Amino acid sequence: MVDRICGDYLIEATVRIANPTLSSLVAIRTSKNPTLLAPLDLGVPAWRALWELHVGLGGNPWPTSVDQYFQAKSYLSVVKAGSYRSGLIAQLAEDFAPVALDLEDRPNLWGCLAPTDARVLAGVVARLLLLRSHTADDLAIPEPYLLEQVMLQAPHHHLSAAQVRCLLLWDSFITESKAINLVRSIRDWSKGAQPLGKMVQERQWRSLAKELASEYRYRKPEVLPALHACYELLGFFDKLLIPRPSETAPAEIDTNEIISNVAEVGSDVAHDRLEDLWVRAGGRAASLSTSGNSADRWLRASNQAASGSLPEGLKALVRVLLDDFPNNEKLKLLDQVLHQNARTH
């Protein structure tokens, strides 16, 4: 009988009678002919029951004439009241996610869903929220359940600087090491670079500032606005390599900073050769202390060189180091700094 009755009359009668047996029979027909669901209204319980059966049988959930967004919103409103078919949300997560993302009371949604439905839907919503964070500047901090899904997905995406800034803003407890991993996944610096740098400056993340400098050196000039925003956090060598912000006045490099960096590089590249290099630089081996570790001995020797124990001071020590390590970029920079200082004094 169900197959012989006119479709419009059949649907109208099914919704009016609201009999579960009749609805299950009619759903078989609608699954083969989804256009019968053109008057769909998921705010009505009988319609909802028929539609759930229809979808369960593999029918197209959204016939062409149906306003998908409006109906999905109506269905989620019912879900929040605790009445829906478990598993259906997960099945149609891609369809429900845009609606869920825009819900004003979205935080209340997750607890009303079955665990699998909540997890799958939140995963899709998290992906959409990540995409939106690239262009939107005023997104509210997502609720903890959704934020957890966002942070789980973020490492698996190629992000923009704007997206990473949002992630760092949303997760106020994120560690600097995790923030560095996020920065390493940035592929688009065209938007959000400067605000990201300002956040690095505010949180005093020196290691992250160093990572930004490393990104810049690897032929990513678009990172420069981020670096300028956290320029004060950069180390000695990075400040020499990175173009200075236009508003920052040139600062004379402190002699003690030069001494400590000569000692650090010397200890790193020639930790057991101090005496040989010292003599080649014009010093007397007997003037060197033999106590302490390599770093301590190099620091004392660098101070002695700067104080006149070598005829040409630190320049002589750096020069002999460069003779043996001509490709060392830090030594080249130190040599330039020492010669510049000599010309200005």
C-alpha atoms as a PDB file:
ATOM      1  CA  MET A   1       0.000   0.000   0.000  1.00  0.00           C
ATOM      2  CA  VAL A   2       2.851   2.393   0.866  1.00  0.00           C
ATOM      3  CA  ASP A   3       4.208   2.049  -2.652  1.00  0.00           C
ATOM      4  CA  ARG A   4       0.858   2.821  -4.297  1.00  0.00           C
ATOM      5  CA  ILE A   5      -0.177   5.978  -2.428  1.00  0.00           C
ATOM      6  CA  CYS A   6       0.701   9.375  -3.894  1.00  0.00           C
ATOM      7  CA  GLY A   7       3.952  10.548  -2.388  1.00  0.00           C
ATOM      8  CA  ASP A   8       2.773  13.917  -1.089  1.00  0.00           C
ATOM      9  CA  TYR A   9      -0.265  12.411   0.598  1.00  0.00           C
ATOM     10  CA  LEU A  10       1.815   9.578   2.020  1.00  0.00           C
ATOM     11  CA  ILE A  11       4.357  11.903   3.640  1.00  0.00           C
ATOM     12  CA  GLU A  12       1.645  14.181   4.999  1.00  0.00           C
ATOM     13  CA  ALA A  13      -0.234  11.235   6.524  1.00  0.00           C
ATOM     14  CA  THR A  14       2.939   9.700   7.955  1.00  0.00           C
ATOM     15  CA  VAL A  15       3.893  12.898   9.728  1.00  0.00           C
ATOM     16  CA  ARG A  16       0.339  13.431  10.981  1.00  0.00           C
ATOM     17  CA  ILE A  17      -0.168   9.871  12.241  1.00  0.00           C
ATOM     18  CA  ALA A  18       3.378   9.570  13.671  1.00  0.00           C
ATOM     19  CA  ASN A  19       3.262   5.772  13.813  1.00  0.00           C
ATOM     20  CA  PRO A  20       6.714   4.142  14.134  1.00  0.00           C
ATOM     21  CA  THR A  21       5.794   1.137  11.979  1.00  0.00           C
ATOM     22  CA  LEU A  22       4.373   3.304   9.219  1.00  0.00           C
ATOM     23  CA  SER A  23       7.367   5.618   9.382  1.00  0.00           C
ATOM     24  CA  SER A  24       9.793   2.716   8.963  1.00  0.00           C
ATOM     25  CA  LEU A  25       7.930   1.530   5.863  1.00  0.00           C
ATOM     26  CA  VAL A  26       7.731   5.002   4.358  1.00  0.00           C
ATOM     27  CA  ALA A  27      11.450   5.531   5.013  1.00  0.00           C
ATOM     28  CA  ILE A  28      12.206   2.645   2.659  1.00  0.00           C
ATOM     29  CA  ARG A  29      10.396   4.522  -0.095  1.00  0.00           C
ATOM     30  CA  THR A  30      11.975   7.918   0.690  1.00  0.00           C
ATOM     31  CA  SER A  31      15.446   6.394   0.737  1.00  0.00           C
ATOM     32  CA  LYS A  32      14.875   5.476  -2.903  1.00  0.00           C
ATOM     33  CA  ASN A  33      13.161   8.757  -3.742  1.00  0.00           C
ATOM     34  CA  PRO A  34      14.585  11.526  -1.466  1.00  0.00           C
ATOM     35  CA  THR A  35      12.580  14.255  -3.247  1.00  0.00           C
ATOM     36  CA  LEU A  36       9.578  13.113  -1.181  1.00  0.00           C
ATOM     37  CA  LEU A  37      11.269  14.850   1.773  1.00  0.00           C
ATOM     38  CA  ALA A  38      11.025  18.292   0.194  1.00  0.00           C
ATOM     39  CA  PRO A  39       8.724  19.637   2.999  1.00  0.00           C
ATOM     40  CA  LEU A  40      11.227  18.431   5.643  1.00  0.00           C
ATOM     41  CA  ASP A  41      10.939  20.141   9.032  1.00  0.00           C
ATOM     42  CA  LEU A  42      13.297  18.638  11.616  1.00  0.00           C
ATOM     43  CA  GLY A  43      11.758  20.795  14.317  1.00  0.00           C
ATOM     44  CA  VAL A  44       8.722  18.459  14.209  1.00  0.00           C
ATOM     45  CA  PRO A  45       9.168  15.137  16.086  1.00  0.00           C
ATOM     46  CA  ALA A  46       7.392  12.987  13.469  1.00  0.00           C
ATOM     47  CA  TRP A  47       9.455  14.501  10.672  1.00  0.00           C
ATOM     48  CA  ARG A  48      12.569  13.907  12.709  1.00  0.00           C
ATOM     49  CA  ALA A  49      11.726  10.251  13.291  1.00  0.00           C
ATOM     50  CA  LEU A  50      11.052   9.674   9.577  1.00  0.00           C
ATOM     51  CA  TRP A  51      14.252  11.471   8.574  1.00  0.00           C
ATOM     52  CA  GLU A  52      16.400   9.463  11.001  1.00  0.00           C
ATOM     53  CA  LEU A  53      15.013   6.241   9.574  1.00  0.00           C
ATOM     54  CA  HIS A  54      15.535   7.572   6.046  1.00  0.00           C
ATOM     55  CA  VAL A  55      19.202   8.403   6.736  1.00  0.00           C
ATOM     56  CA  GLY A  56      19.710   5.074   8.488  1.00  0.00           C
ATOM     57  CA  LEU A  57      18.650   3.336   5.270  1.00  0.00           C
ATOM     58  CA  GLY A  58      21.188   5.285   3.241  1.00  0.00           C
ATOM     59  CA  GLY A  59      18.863   7.950   1.877  1.00  0.00           C
ATOM     60  CA  ASN A  60      20.206  11.339   0.830  1.00  0.00           C
ATOM     61  CA  PRO A  61      19.836  13.440   4.007  1.00  0.00           C
ATOM     62  CA  TRP A  62      19.467  16.740   2.191  1.00  0.00           C
ATOM     63  CA  PRO A  63      17.342  16.690  -0.961  1.00  0.00           C
ATOM     64  CA  THR A  64      17.996  19.609  -3.296  1.00  0.00           C
ATOM     65  CA  SER A  65      15.021  21.671  -2.175  1.00  0.00           C
ATOM     66  CA  VAL A  66      15.896  21.405   1.530  1.00  0.00           C
ATOM     67  CA  ASP A  67      17.664  24.244   3.363  1.00  0.00           C
ATOM     68  CA  GLN A  68      20.473  22.127   4.810  1.00  0.00           C
ATOM     69  CA  TYR A  69      21.874  24.740   7.202  1.00  0.00           C
ATOM     70  CA  PHE A  70      18.473  25.617   8.670  1.00  0.00           C
ATOM     71  CA  GLN A  71      17.412  21.990   9.087  1.00  0.00           C
ATOM     72  CA  ALA A  72      20.743  20.982  10.603  1.00  0.00           C
ATOM     73  CA  LYS A  73      20.374  23.833  13.079  1.00  0.00           C
ATOM     74  CA  SER A  74      16.870  22.676  13.966  1.00  0.00           C
ATOM     75  CA  TYR A  75      18.147  19.155  14.542  1.00  0.00           C
ATOM     76  CA  LEU A  76      20.993  20.310  16.805  1.00  0.00           C
ATOM     77  CA  SER A  77      18.473  22.309  18.843  1.00  0.00           C
ATOM     78  CA  VAL A  78      16.633  19.057  19.515  1.00  0.00           C
ATOM     79  CA  VAL A  79      19.911  17.277  20.251  1.00  0.00           C
ATOM     80  CA  LYS A  80      20.599  19.744  23.051  1.00  0.00           C
ATOM     81  CA  ALA A  81      17.268  18.720  24.550  1.00  0.00           C
ATOM     82  CA  GLY A  82      18.605  15.157  24.725  1.00  0.00           C
ATOM     83  CA  SER A  83      16.539  13.481  22.015  1.00  0.00           C
ATOM     84  CA  TYR A  84      18.265  12.154  18.908  1.00  0.00           C
ATOM     85  CA  ARG A  85      19.496   8.994  17.237  1.00  0.00           C
ATOM     86  CA  SER A  86      22.996   8.161  18.478  1.00  0.00           C
ATOM     87  CA  GLY A  87      25.585   7.807  15.721  1.00  0.00           C
ATOM     88  CA  LEU A  88      23.809  10.014  13.212  1.00  0.00           C
ATOM     89  CA  ILE A  89      25.798  13.135  14.123  1.00  0.00           C
ATOM     90  CA  ALA A  90      29.077  11.308  13.568  1.00  0.00           C
ATOM     91  CA  GLN A  91      27.786   9.979  10.255  1.00  0.00           C
ATOM     92  CA  LEU A  92      26.914  13.489   9.051  1.00  0.00           C
ATOM     93  CA  ALA A  93      29.600  15.409  10.942  1.00  0.00           C
ATOM     94  CA  GLU A  94      30.728  17.312   7.830  1.00  0.00           C
ATOM     95  CA  ASP A  95      27.150  18.572   7.377  1.00  0.00           C
ATOM     96  CA  PHE A  96      26.544  19.530  11.005  1.00  0.00           C
ATOM     97  CA  ALA A  97      29.949  21.081  11.683  1.00  0.00           C
ATOM     98  CA  PRO A  98      29.338  24.517  10.038  1.00  0.00           C
ATOM     99  CA  VAL A  99      26.175  24.865  12.105  1.00  0.00           C
ATOM    100  CA  ALA A 100      27.828  23.698  15.312  1.00  0.00           C
ATOM    101  CA  LEU A 101      30.688  26.147  14.773  1.00  0.00           C
ATOM    102  CA  ASP A 102      28.251  29.084  14.735  1.00  0.00           C
ATOM    103  CA  LEU A 103      26.073  28.019  17.685  1.00  0.00           C
ATOM    104  CA  GLU A 104      25.958  30.665  20.396  1.00  0.00           C
ATOM    105  CA  ASP A 105      25.640  28.044  23.128  1.00  0.00           C
ATOM    106  CA  ARG A 106      28.041  25.561  21.516  1.00  0.00           C
ATOM    107  CA  PRO A 107      29.764  24.700  24.849  1.00  0.00           C
ATOM    108  CA  ASN A 108      26.506  23.098  25.992  1.00  0.00           C
ATOM    109  CA  LEU A 109      26.287  20.883  22.909  1.00  0.00           C
ATOM    110  CA  TRP A 110      29.115  18.440  23.582  1.00  0.00           C
ATOM    111  CA  GLY A 111      27.715  17.028  26.809  1.00  0.00           C
ATOM    112  CA  CYS A 112      24.395  16.257  25.086  1.00  0.00           C
ATOM    113  CA  LEU A 113      26.019  14.038  22.456  1.00  0.00           C
ATOM    114  CA  ALA A 114      27.081  10.434  22.635  1.00  0.00           C
ATOM    115  CA  PRO A 115      30.884  10.218  23.078  1.00  0.00           C
ATOM    116  CA  THR A 116      31.581   9.137  19.500  1.00  0.00           C
ATOM    117  CA  ASP A 117      29.266  11.787  18.057  1.00  0.00           C
ATOM    118  CA  ALA A 118      30.906  14.476  20.197  1.00  0.00           C
ATOM    119  CA  ARG A 119      34.445  13.435  19.279  1.00  0.00           C
ATOM    120  CA  VAL A 120      33.830  13.179  15.526  1.00  0.00           C
ATOM    121  CA  LEU A 121      31.812  16.394  15.298  1.00  0.00           C
ATOM    122  CA  ALA A 122      34.322  18.319  17.426  1.00  0.00           C
ATOM    123  CA  GLY A 123      37.124  17.113  15.159  1.00  0.00           C
ATOM    124  CA  VAL A 124      35.451  18.574  12.080  1.00  0.00           C
ATOM    125  CA  VAL A 125      34.461  21.779  13.893  1.00  0.00           C
ATOM    126  CA  ALA A 126      38.078  22.132  15.063  1.00  0.00           C
ATOM    127  CA  ARG A 127      39.291  21.905  11.465  1.00  0.00           C
ATOM    128  CA  LEU A 128      36.822  24.606  10.382  1.00  0.00           C
ATOM    129  CA  LEU A 129      37.808  26.808  13.309  1.00  0.00           C
ATOM    130  CA  LEU A 130      41.480  26.493  12.354  1.00  0.00           C
ATOM    131  CA  LEU A 131      40.641  27.598   8.825  1.00  0.00           C
ATOM    132  CA  ARG A 132      38.605  30.535  10.088  1.00  0.00           C
ATOM    133  CA  SER A 133      41.393  31.652  12.427  1.00  0.00           C
ATOM    134  CA  HIS A 134      43.541  32.520   9.412  1.00  0.00           C
ATOM    135  CA  THR A 135      41.236  35.346   8.332  1.00  0.00           C
ATOM    136  CA  ALA A 136      39.224  36.355  11.420  1.00  0.00           C
ATOM    137  CA  ASP A 137      40.831  38.617  14.020  1.00  0.00           C
ATOM    138  CA  ASP A 138      38.175  38.590  16.726  1.00  0.00           C
ATOM    139  CA  LEU A 139      37.472  34.913  17.392  1.00  0.00           C
ATOM    140  CA  ALA A 140      36.463  34.054  20.936  1.00  0.00           C
ATOM    141  CA  ILE A 141      38.506  31.507  22.846  1.00  0.00           C
ATOM    142  CA  PRO A 142      36.871  28.125  22.179  1.00  0.00           C
ATOM    143  CA  GLU A 143      35.518  26.053  25.027  1.00  0.00           C
ATOM    144  CA  PRO A 144      37.939  23.507  26.593  1.00  0.00           C
ATOM    145  CA  TYR A 145      36.478  20.449  24.830  1.00  0.00           C
ATOM    146  CA  LEU A 146      36.768  22.016  21.384  1.00  0.00           C
ATOM    147  CA  LEU A 147      40.123  23.643  22.156  1.00  0.00           C
ATOM    148  CA  GLU A 148      41.553  20.239  22.979  1.00  0.00           C
ATOM    149  CA  GLN A 149      40.532  19.003  19.531  1.00  0.00           C
ATOM    150  CA  VAL A 150      41.992  22.119  17.883  1.00  0.00           C
ATOM    151  CA  MET A 151      45.349  21.656  19.606  1.00  0.00           C
ATOM    152  CA  LEU A 152      45.418  17.973  18.679  1.00  0.00           C
ATOM    153  CA  GLN A 153      44.886  18.799  15.005  1.00  0.00           C
ATOM    154  CA  ALA A 154      47.176  21.817  14.733  1.00  0.00           C
ATOM    155  CA  PRO A 155      50.516  19.928  14.482  1.00  0.00           C
ATOM    156  CA  HIS A 156      49.206  18.032  11.461  1.00  0.00           C
ATOM    157  CA  HIS A 157      48.392  21.148   9.425  1.00  0.00           C
ATOM    158  CA  HIS A 158      50.467  23.646   7.474  1.00  0.00           C
ATOM    159  CA  LEU A 159      49.597  26.743   9.458  1.00  0.00           C
ATOM    160  CA  SER A 160      49.802  30.485   8.943  1.00  0.00           C
ATOM    161  CA  ALA A 161      51.341  32.947  11.395  1.00  0.00           C
ATOM    162  CA  ALA A 162      47.836  34.250  12.102  1.00  0.00           C
ATOM    163  CA  GLN A 163      46.640  30.755  13.026  1.00  0.00           C
ATOM    164  CA  VAL A 164      49.576  30.095  15.336  1.00  0.00           C
ATOM    165  CA  ARG A 165      48.975  33.418  17.059  1.00  0.00           C
ATOM    166  CA  CYS A 166      45.368  32.384  17.702  1.00  0.00           C
ATOM    167  CA  LEU A 167      46.468  29.014  19.070  1.00  0.00           C
ATOM    168  CA  LEU A 168      48.936  30.649  21.456  1.00  0.00           C
ATOM    169  CA  LEU A 169      46.297  33.161  22.527  1.00  0.00           C
ATOM    170  CA  TRP A 170      43.697  30.462  23.138  1.00  0.00           C
ATOM    171  CA  ASP A 171      45.968  28.089  25.060  1.00  0.00           C
ATOM    172  CA  SER A 172      47.428  30.291  27.787  1.00  0.00           C
ATOM    173  CA  PHE A 173      49.173  27.293  29.400  1.00  0.00           C
ATOM    174  CA  ILE A 174      51.076  26.162  26.309  1.00  0.00           C
ATOM    175  CA  THR A 175      54.785  25.610  26.885  1.00  0.00           C
ATOM    176  CA  GLU A 176      57.455  27.390  24.894  1.00  0.00           C
ATOM    177  CA  SER A 177      58.699  24.101  23.418  1.00  0.00           C
ATOM    178  CA  LYS A 178      55.230  23.309  22.059  1.00  0.00           C
ATOM    179  CA  ALA A 179      54.952  26.852  20.733  1.00  0.00           C
ATOM    180  CA  ILE A 180      58.249  26.357  18.875  1.00  0.00           C
ATOM    181  CA  ASN A 181      56.859  23.222  17.226  1.00  0.00           C
ATOM    182  CA  LEU A 182      53.831  25.199  16.066  1.00  0.00           C
ATOM    183  CA  VAL A 183      56.026  27.952  14.623  1.00  0.00           C
ATOM    184  CA  ARG A 184      57.996  25.339  12.706  1.00  0.00           C
ATOM    185  CA  SER A 185      54.770  24.279  10.985  1.00  0.00           C
ATOM    186  CA  ILE A 186      54.056  27.790   9.651  1.00  0.00           C
ATOM    187  CA  ARG A 187      54.018  27.924   5.857  1.00  0.00           C
ATOM    188  CA  ASP A 188      52.316  31.298   5.406  1.00  0.00           C
ATOM    189  CA  TRP A 189      53.759  34.425   7.054  1.00  0.00           C
ATOM    190  CA  SER A 190      51.754  36.891   4.965  1.00  0.00           C
ATOM    191  CA  LYS A 191      49.359  37.687   7.820  1.00  0.00           C
ATOM    192  CA  GLY A 192      49.807  37.747  11.568  1.00  0.00           C
ATOM    193  CA  ALA A 193      53.617  37.838  11.710  1.00  0.00           C
ATOM    194  CA  GLN A 194      53.918  41.047  13.743  1.00  0.00           C
ATOM    195  CA  PRO A 195      51.189  40.147  16.297  1.00  0.00           C
ATOM    196  CA  LEU A 196      52.850  36.752  16.728  1.00  0.00           C
ATOM    197  CA  GLY A 197      56.182  38.451  17.414  1.00  0.00           C
ATOM    198  CA  LYS A 198      54.550  40.779  19.949  1.00  0.00           C
ATOM    199  CA  MET A 199      53.167  37.761  21.785  1.00  0.00           C
ATOM    200  CA  VAL A 200      56.636  36.203  21.866  1.00  0.00           C
ATOM    201  CA  GLN A 201      57.975  39.455  23.339  1.00  0.00           C
ATOM    202  CA  GLU A 202      55.204  39.646  25.961  1.00  0.00           C
ATOM    203  CA  ARG A 203      55.852  36.081  27.102  1.00  0.00           C
ATOM    204  CA  GLN A 204      59.630  36.573  27.073  1.00  0.00           C
ATOM    205  CA  TRP A 205      60.154  33.441  24.953  1.00  0.00           C
ATOM    206  CA  ARG A 206      63.830  33.779  24.036  1.00  0.00           C
ATOM    207  CA  SER A 207      64.099  30.298  22.565  1.00  0.00           C
ATOM    208  CA  LEU A 208      61.144  31.008  20.297  1.00  0.00           C
ATOM    209  CA  ALA A 209      62.694  34.315  19.235  1.00  0.00           C
ATOM    210  CA  LYS A 210      65.829  32.355  18.350  1.00  0.00           C
ATOM    211  CA  GLU A 211      63.687  29.953  16.318  1.00  0.00           C
ATOM    212  CA  LEU A 212      62.179  32.898  14.417  1.00  0.00           C
ATOM    213  CA  ALA A 213      65.695  34.132  13.648  1.00  0.00           C
ATOM    214  CA  SER A 214      66.556  30.688  12.346  1.00  0.00           C
ATOM    215  CA  GLU A 215      63.457  30.727  10.117  1.00  0.00           C
ATOM    216  CA  TYR A 216      64.514  34.123   8.763  1.00  0.00           C
ATOM    217  CA  ARG A 217      68.026  32.960   7.960  1.00  0.00           C
ATOM    218  CA  TYR A 218      66.637  30.032   5.990  1.00  0.00           C
ATOM    219  CA  ARG A 219      65.414  32.393   3.280  1.00  0.00           C
ATOM    220  CA  LYS A 220      62.121  33.419   4.812  1.00  0.00           C
ATOM    221  CA  PRO A 221      62.258  37.242   4.719  1.00  0.00           C
ATOM    222  CA  GLU A 222      58.547  37.432   5.479  1.00  0.00           C
ATOM    223  CA  VAL A 223      59.379  36.426   9.075  1.00  0.00           C
ATOM    224  CA  LEU A 224      61.069  39.814   9.631  1.00  0.00           C
ATOM    225  CA  PRO A 225      57.991  41.636  11.073  1.00  0.00           C
ATOM    226  CA  ALA A 226      57.755  38.954  13.771  1.00  0.00           C
ATOM    227  CA  LEU A 227      61.464  39.301  14.532  1.00  0.00           C
ATOM    228  CA  HIS A 228      61.276  43.075  14.789  1.00  0.00           C
ATOM    229  CA  ALA A 229      58.434  42.748  17.287  1.00  0.00           C
ATOM    230  CA  CYS A 230      60.595  40.620  19.601  1.00  0.00           C
ATOM    231  CA  TYR A 231      63.994  42.056  18.660  1.00  0.00           C
ATOM    232  CA  GLU A 232      64.974  42.684  22.288  1.00  0.00           C
ATOM    233  CA  LEU A 233      64.916  38.941  22.970  1.00  0.00           C
ATOM    234  CA  LEU A 234      67.428  38.064  20.263  1.00  0.00           C
ATOM    235  CA  GLY A 235      70.892  36.876  21.174  1.00  0.00           C
ATOM    236  CA  PHE A 236      74.207  38.523  20.319  1.00  0.00           C
ATOM    237  CA  PHE A 237      74.760  36.874  16.922  1.00  0.00           C
ATOM    238  CA  ASP A 238      71.134  37.033  15.821  1.00  0.00           C
ATOM    239  CA  LYS A 239      71.067  40.801  16.414  1.00  0.00           C
ATOM    240  CA  LEU A 240      74.110  41.109  14.167  1.00  0.00           C
ATOM    241  CA  LEU A 241      72.481  39.044  11.432  1.00  0.00           C
ATOM    242  CA  ILE A 242      68.943  40.439  11.545  1.00  0.00           C
ATOM    243  CA  PRO A 243      68.232  43.901  10.061  1.00  0.00           C
ATOM    244  CA  ARG A 244      67.578  46.280  12.928  1.00  0.00           C
ATOM    245  CA  PRO A 245      64.035  47.695  13.273  1.00  0.00           C
ATOM    246  CA  SER A 246      63.859  51.224  11.856  1.00  0.00           C
ATOM    247  CA  GLU A 247      62.686  52.645  15.174  1.00  0.00           C
ATOM    248  CA  THR A 248      65.582  51.066  17.097  1.00  0.00           C
ATOM    249  CA  ALA A 249      68.650  53.271  17.474  1.00  0.00           C
ATOM    250  CA  PRO A 250      72.055  51.656  16.873  1.00  0.00           C
ATOM    251  CA  ALA A 251      73.494  50.460  20.158  1.00  0.00           C
ATOM    252  CA  GLU A 252      77.179  50.126  20.946  1.00  0.00           C
ATOM    253  CA  ILE A 253      78.053  46.524  21.629  1.00  0.00           C
ATOM    254  CA  ASP A 254      79.219  45.954  25.175  1.00  0.00           C
ATOM    255  CA  THR A 255      82.848  44.779  25.436  1.00  0.00           C
ATOM    256  CA  ASN A 256      81.954  42.161  28.027  1.00  0.00           C
ATOM    257  CA  GLU A 257      79.422  40.689  25.590  1.00  0.00           C
ATOM    258  CA  ILE A 258      82.085  40.431  22.904  1.00  0.00           C
ATOM    259  CA  ILE A 259      84.499  38.806  25.369  1.00  0.00           C
ATOM    260  CA  SER A 260      81.954  36.211  26.485  1.00  0.00           C
ATOM    261  CA  ASN A 261      81.051  35.322  22.897  1.00  0.00           C
ATOM    262  CA  VAL A 262      84.669  34.953  21.820  1.00  0.00           C
ATOM    263  CA  ALA A 263      85.144  32.626  24.789  1.00  0.00           C
ATOM    264  CA  GLU A 264      82.009  30.672  23.963  1.00  0.00           C
ATOM    265  CA  VAL A 265      82.937  30.138  20.317  1.00  0.00           C
ATOM    266  CA  GLY A 266      86.555  29.322  21.185  1.00  0.00           C
ATOM    267  CA  SER A 267      85.523  26.754  23.768  1.00  0.00           C
ATOM    268  CA  ASP A 268      83.064  25.257  21.311  1.00  0.00           C
ATOM    269  CA  VAL A 269      85.360  24.853  18.288  1.00  0.00           C
ATOM    270  CA  ALA A 270      88.791  24.535  19.957  1.00  0.00           C
ATOM    271  CA  HIS A 271      88.177  23.505  23.537  1.00  0.00           C
ATOM    272  CA  ASP A 272      91.569  21.720  23.921  1.00  0.00           C
ATOM    273  CA  ARG A 273      93.741  24.042  21.810  1.00  0.00           C
ATOM    274  CA  LEU A 274      93.757  27.274  23.780  1.00  0.00           C
ATOM    275  CA  GLU A 275      97.479  27.256  24.564  1.00  0.00           C
ATOM    276  CA  ASP A 276      98.502  26.711  20.918  1.00  0.00           C
ATOM    277  CA  LEU A 277      96.170  29.424  19.639  1.00  0.00           C
ATOM    278  CA  TRP A 278      97.213  31.816  22.397  1.00  0.00           C
ATOM    279  CA  VAL A 279     100.897  31.517  21.493  1.00  0.00           C
ATOM    280  CA  ARG A 280     100.121  31.972  17.787  1.00  0.00           C
ATOM    281  CA  ALA A 281      98.222  35.127  18.664  1.00  0.00           C
ATOM    282  CA  GLY A 282     101.353  36.541  20.301  1.00  0.00           C
ATOM    283  CA  GLY A 283     100.798  35.593  23.921  1.00  0.00           C
ATOM    284  CA  ARG A 284     102.910  33.740  26.480  1.00  0.00           C
ATOM    285  CA  ALA A 285     101.696  30.256  27.404  1.00  0.00           C
ATOM    286  CA  ALA A 286     102.820  30.791  30.994  1.00  0.00           C
ATOM    287  CA  SER A 287     100.278  33.575  31.438  1.00  0.00           C
ATOM    288  CA  LEU A 288      97.365  31.192  30.907  1.00  0.00           C
ATOM    289  CA  SER A 289      95.570  29.577  33.823  1.00  0.00           C
ATOM    290  CA  THR A 290      95.319  25.788  33.672  1.00  0.00           C
ATOM    291  CA  SER A 291      92.571  25.377  36.267  1.00  0.00           C
ATOM    292  CA  GLY A 292      88.890  24.893  35.549  1.00  0.00           C
ATOM    293  CA  ASN A 293      87.109  23.466  32.553  1.00  0.00           C
ATOM    294  CA  SER A 294      87.478  24.538  28.938  1.00  0.00           C
ATOM    295  CA  ALA A 295      84.757  27.183  29.127  1.00  0.00           C
ATOM    296  CA  ASP A 296      86.321  28.758  32.232  1.00  0.00           C
ATOM    297  CA  ARG A 297      89.820  28.830  30.728  1.00  0.00           C
ATOM    298  CA  TRP A 298      88.587  30.355  27.456  1.00  0.00           C
ATOM    299  CA  LEU A 299      86.685  33.045  29.347  1.00  0.00           C
ATOM    300  CA  ARG A 300      89.723  33.969  31.431  1.00  0.00           C
ATOM    301  CA  ALA A 301      91.930  34.005  28.322  1.00  0.00           C
ATOM    302  CA  SER A 302      89.448  36.239  26.445  1.00  0.00           C
ATOM    303  CA  ASN A 303      89.418  38.688  29.343  1.00  0.00           C
ATOM    304  CA  GLN A 304      93.211  38.667  29.432  1.00  0.00           C
ATOM    305  CA  ALA A 305      93.355  39.320  25.672  1.00  0.00           C
ATOM    306  CA  ALA A 306      90.969  42.262  25.985  1.00  0.00           C
ATOM    307  CA  SER A 307      93.037  43.618  28.891  1.00  0.00           C
ATOM    308  CA  GLY A 308      96.243  43.734  26.860  1.00  0.00           C
ATOM    309  CA  SER A 309      97.860  40.327  27.332  1.00  0.00           C
ATOM    310  CA  LEU A 310      97.851  39.973  23.550  1.00  0.00           C
ATOM    311  CA  PRO A 311      99.450  42.688  21.419  1.00  0.00           C
ATOM    312  CA  GLU A 312      96.313  43.118  19.293  1.00  0.00           C
ATOM    313  CA  GLY A 313      93.826  42.138  21.958  1.00  0.00           C
ATOM    314  CA  LEU A 314      90.803  40.052  21.111  1.00  0.00           C
ATOM    315  CA  LYS A 315      91.319  40.666  17.396  1.00  0.00           C
ATOM    316  CA  ALA A 316      94.458  38.536  17.489  1.00  0.00           C
ATOM    317  CA  LEU A 317      92.673  35.648  19.205  1.00  0.00           C
ATOM    318  CA  VAL A 318      89.771  35.765  16.774  1.00  0.00           C
ATOM    319  CA  ARG A 319      92.184  35.998  13.840  1.00  0.00           C
ATOM    320  CA  VAL A 320      94.022  32.766  14.703  1.00  0.00           C
ATOM    321  CA  LEU A 321      90.700  31.042  15.297  1.00  0.00           C
ATOM    322  CA  LEU A 322      89.588  32.152  11.842  1.00  0.00           C
ATOM    323  CA  ASP A 323      92.824  30.810  10.349  1.00  0.00           C
ATOM    324  CA  ASP A 324      91.812  27.350  11.535  1.00  0.00           C
ATOM    325  CA  PHE A 325      88.036  27.720  11.113  1.00  0.00           C
ATOM    326  CA  PRO A 326      87.587  30.056   8.119  1.00  0.00           C
ATOM    327  CA  ASN A 327      83.966  29.054   7.479  1.00  0.00           C
ATOM    328  CA  ASN A 328      82.703  29.674  11.000  1.00  0.00           C
ATOM    329  CA  GLU A 329      80.011  32.347  10.672  1.00  0.00           C
ATOM    330  CA  LYS A 330      80.186  33.411  14.310  1.00  0.00           C
ATOM    331  CA  LEU A 331      83.919  34.022  14.099  1.00  0.00           C
ATOM    332  CA  LYS A 332      83.416  36.074  10.943  1.00  0.00           C
ATOM    333  CA  LEU A 333      80.853  38.224  12.745  1.00  0.00           C
ATOM    334  CA  LEU A 334      83.093  38.684  15.766  1.00  0.00           C
ATOM    335  CA  ASP A 335      85.965  39.716  13.503  1.00  0.00           C
ATOM    336  CA  GLN A 336      83.717  42.319  11.825  1.00  0.00           C
ATOM    337  CA  VAL A 337      82.525  43.689  15.164  1.00  0.00           C
ATOM    338  CA  LEU A 338      86.060  43.983  16.549  1.00  0.00           C
ATOM    339  CA  HIS A 339      87.298  45.815  13.467  1.00  0.00           C
ATOM    340  CA  GLN A 340      84.289  48.168  13.522  1.00  0.00           C
ATOM    341  CA  ASN A 341      84.885  48.925  17.188  1.00  0.00           C
ATOM    342  CA  ALA A 342      88.545  49.630  16.451  1.00  0.00           C
ATOM    343  CA  ARG A 343      87.575  52.167  13.774  1.00  0.00           C
ATOM    344  CA  THR A 344      85.127  54.006  16.055  1.00  0.00           C
ATOM    345  CA  HIS A 345      87.496  54.328  18.988  1.00  0.00           C
END
